[in-house]
Protein backbone atom coordinates (compact mmCIF):
# COMPACT_ATOMS: atom_id res chain seq x y z
CA UNK A 1 71.85 70.12 -133.97
CA UNK A 2 73.12 70.47 -137.51
CA UNK A 3 74.23 67.23 -139.10
CA UNK A 4 76.34 69.02 -141.68
CA UNK A 5 79.97 69.17 -140.49
CA UNK A 6 80.61 72.34 -142.48
CA UNK A 7 77.67 74.06 -140.78
CA UNK A 8 78.95 73.01 -137.35
CA UNK A 9 82.43 74.38 -138.11
CA UNK A 10 81.06 77.71 -139.32
CA UNK A 11 78.70 77.93 -136.32
CA UNK A 12 81.56 77.33 -133.88
CA UNK A 13 83.67 79.88 -135.76
CA UNK A 14 80.84 82.40 -135.59
CA UNK A 15 80.51 81.83 -131.84
CA UNK A 16 84.27 82.20 -131.33
CA UNK A 17 84.29 85.32 -133.52
CA UNK A 18 81.46 86.85 -131.48
CA UNK A 19 83.11 86.00 -128.16
CA UNK A 20 86.50 87.39 -129.27
CA UNK A 21 84.84 90.70 -130.07
CA UNK A 22 82.70 90.59 -126.93
CA UNK A 23 79.71 90.91 -129.24
CA UNK A 24 77.79 87.75 -128.40
CA UNK A 25 74.60 89.65 -127.60
CA UNK A 26 74.82 91.67 -130.83
CA UNK A 27 75.50 88.58 -132.93
CA UNK A 28 72.64 86.76 -131.20
CA UNK A 29 70.25 89.53 -132.21
CA UNK A 30 71.61 89.43 -135.76
CA UNK A 31 71.20 85.65 -135.96
CA UNK A 32 67.67 85.86 -134.54
CA UNK A 33 66.77 88.52 -137.10
CA UNK A 34 68.08 86.52 -140.08
CA UNK A 35 66.37 83.35 -138.81
CA UNK A 36 63.16 85.36 -138.40
CA UNK A 37 63.36 86.50 -142.03
CA UNK A 38 64.10 82.92 -143.14
CA UNK A 39 61.12 81.73 -141.09
CA UNK A 40 58.77 84.24 -142.72
CA UNK A 41 59.16 82.89 -146.22
CA UNK A 42 60.54 79.74 -147.80
CA UNK A 43 61.56 81.70 -150.90
CA UNK A 44 64.48 83.31 -149.09
CA UNK A 45 65.75 79.94 -147.85
CA UNK A 46 65.32 78.34 -151.26
CA UNK A 47 67.09 81.27 -152.92
CA UNK A 48 70.23 80.87 -150.81
CA UNK A 49 70.23 77.07 -151.17
CA UNK A 50 69.76 77.15 -154.95
CA UNK A 51 73.04 76.10 -156.64
CA UNK A 52 71.99 77.65 -159.97
CA UNK A 53 71.88 81.20 -158.62
CA UNK A 54 75.24 82.94 -158.88
CA UNK A 55 77.23 83.98 -155.82
CA UNK A 56 77.17 87.66 -156.82
CA UNK A 57 73.36 87.58 -157.00
CA UNK A 58 73.13 85.93 -153.58
CA UNK A 59 75.57 88.49 -152.16
CA UNK A 60 73.48 91.32 -153.64
CA UNK A 61 70.25 89.96 -152.15
CA UNK A 62 71.88 89.37 -148.77
CA UNK A 63 73.20 92.93 -148.85
CA UNK A 64 69.84 94.42 -149.73
CA UNK A 65 68.02 92.39 -147.08
CA UNK A 66 70.44 92.63 -144.18
CA UNK A 67 73.29 95.16 -144.63
CA UNK A 68 71.53 97.95 -142.74
CA UNK A 69 69.88 95.63 -140.21
CA UNK A 70 72.77 93.60 -138.78
CA UNK A 71 76.17 94.43 -137.32
CA UNK A 72 79.07 94.95 -139.71
CA UNK A 73 81.06 92.02 -138.27
CA UNK A 74 78.15 89.62 -138.65
CA UNK A 75 77.45 90.91 -142.15
CA UNK A 76 81.10 90.34 -143.11
CA UNK A 77 81.05 86.83 -141.67
CA UNK A 78 78.02 85.83 -143.72
CA UNK A 79 79.42 87.59 -146.79
CA UNK A 80 82.56 85.46 -146.41
CA UNK A 81 80.37 82.35 -146.28
CA UNK A 82 78.70 83.44 -149.52
CA UNK A 83 82.07 84.11 -151.20
CA UNK A 84 83.21 80.62 -150.12
CA UNK A 85 80.06 79.06 -151.59
CA UNK A 86 78.67 78.04 -148.19
CA UNK A 87 75.40 80.00 -148.27
CA UNK A 88 73.52 76.75 -148.82
CA UNK A 89 74.16 75.86 -145.16
CA UNK A 90 73.52 79.35 -143.77
CA UNK A 91 70.32 78.42 -141.94
CA UNK A 92 71.98 75.35 -140.39
CA UNK A 93 74.93 77.50 -139.30
CA UNK A 94 72.64 80.01 -137.62
CA UNK A 95 70.55 77.35 -135.89
CA UNK A 96 73.71 75.61 -134.67
CA UNK A 97 75.09 78.95 -133.47
CA UNK A 98 71.97 79.40 -131.31
CA UNK A 99 72.43 75.93 -129.83
CA UNK A 100 76.14 76.45 -129.13
CA UNK A 101 75.48 79.89 -127.63
CA UNK A 102 72.76 78.49 -125.36
CA UNK A 103 75.03 75.65 -124.31
CA UNK A 104 77.87 78.08 -123.52
CA UNK A 105 75.55 80.28 -121.47
CA UNK A 106 73.86 77.39 -119.64
CA UNK A 107 70.50 78.01 -121.30
CA UNK A 108 68.10 75.30 -122.38
CA UNK A 109 65.11 75.95 -124.63
CA UNK A 110 61.89 74.24 -123.56
CA UNK A 111 58.79 74.05 -125.76
CA UNK A 112 55.88 74.39 -123.36
CA UNK A 113 52.36 73.60 -124.54
CA UNK A 114 49.45 74.42 -122.25
CA UNK A 115 45.69 74.13 -122.54
CA UNK A 116 45.29 77.92 -122.27
CA UNK A 117 47.65 80.91 -122.35
CA UNK A 118 49.49 81.21 -119.05
CA UNK A 119 50.11 84.47 -117.25
CA UNK A 120 53.65 85.23 -116.09
CA UNK A 121 52.51 84.45 -112.54
CA UNK A 122 51.32 80.98 -113.60
CA UNK A 123 54.43 80.40 -115.69
CA UNK A 124 56.97 81.29 -113.01
CA UNK A 125 56.61 78.16 -110.78
CA UNK A 126 56.87 75.93 -113.86
CA UNK A 127 60.02 77.76 -114.93
CA UNK A 128 61.54 77.45 -111.45
CA UNK A 129 60.76 73.72 -111.35
CA UNK A 130 62.36 73.10 -114.75
CA UNK A 131 65.42 75.17 -113.89
CA UNK A 132 65.82 73.05 -110.76
CA UNK A 133 65.34 69.76 -112.67
CA UNK A 134 67.64 70.72 -115.57
CA UNK A 135 70.11 72.77 -113.53
CA UNK A 136 70.12 75.38 -116.31
CA UNK A 137 68.38 78.60 -117.17
CA UNK A 138 65.15 77.84 -119.05
CA UNK A 139 63.75 79.81 -121.96
CA UNK A 140 60.23 78.78 -122.92
CA UNK A 141 58.68 78.70 -126.35
CA UNK A 142 54.97 78.82 -125.57
CA UNK A 143 52.06 77.34 -127.47
CA UNK A 144 48.44 76.48 -126.69
CA UNK A 145 46.61 73.24 -127.42
CA UNK A 146 43.10 73.12 -125.95
CA UNK A 147 43.01 69.32 -126.41
CA UNK A 148 45.26 69.01 -123.36
CA UNK A 149 42.22 69.93 -121.22
CA UNK A 150 44.51 71.11 -118.40
CA UNK A 151 48.14 70.96 -117.34
CA UNK A 152 51.05 71.12 -119.79
CA UNK A 153 53.44 69.22 -122.02
CA UNK A 154 57.06 70.33 -122.04
CA UNK A 155 59.66 69.23 -124.57
CA UNK A 156 63.32 69.73 -123.83
CA UNK A 157 65.60 68.18 -126.43
CA UNK A 158 64.38 64.61 -126.81
CA UNK A 159 62.81 64.52 -123.33
CA UNK A 160 59.04 65.02 -122.96
CA UNK A 161 57.37 65.91 -119.67
CA UNK A 162 53.64 65.28 -120.01
CA UNK A 163 51.71 66.71 -117.08
CA UNK A 164 48.50 67.22 -119.03
CA UNK A 165 45.06 66.18 -117.89
CA UNK A 166 44.57 64.52 -121.28
CA UNK A 167 47.58 62.27 -120.59
CA UNK A 168 46.34 61.44 -117.09
CA UNK A 169 42.94 60.42 -118.48
CA UNK A 170 44.64 58.14 -121.03
CA UNK A 171 46.66 56.51 -118.25
CA UNK A 172 43.52 55.93 -116.18
CA UNK A 173 41.70 54.52 -119.23
CA UNK A 174 44.57 52.11 -119.93
CA UNK A 175 44.72 51.05 -116.30
CA UNK A 176 40.98 50.28 -116.29
CA UNK A 177 41.33 48.27 -119.52
CA UNK A 178 43.93 45.93 -118.04
CA UNK A 179 41.91 45.26 -114.91
CA UNK A 180 43.04 48.07 -112.69
CA UNK A 181 41.22 49.26 -109.57
CA UNK A 182 37.82 47.79 -108.92
CA UNK A 183 34.78 49.67 -107.70
CA UNK A 184 33.93 47.31 -104.78
């Protein structure tokens, strides 16, 4: 969640604006696209955060990058932010918007790391289990870490669910070190 109060206010305003226009899905795609561009290169992020660069130059770059690729309403919202000198918190606003949107829709993102890429058939029971535990719709961000040996590690907010074979082996090792089960 964004720490910056200005970013939170703009994110809530963007969400309200999208809901009023019944354009939440469109705005979500626009936000995802801009965040994708920001994620591709640090230069874009640094450019918009740089206080030395003039507002008109930032507006021109934003226009050239996004005018034809996002909805008019979203474009106007971000243009207003630039005119108000708030482009330095644009990324935080967009990230907060995603969090607020997910919260409003009952969606929780879960970072799922497995020891090998899972098929949709293998992923489905894990998704069902997490949706039951969290009582929300789950959207996974998938990654692979072969060091897990087997199983998975899921991170949801500040909660970690470690069901990896690597973790189980560490637990067994620690139990044996402190005088756990004997072999008699």
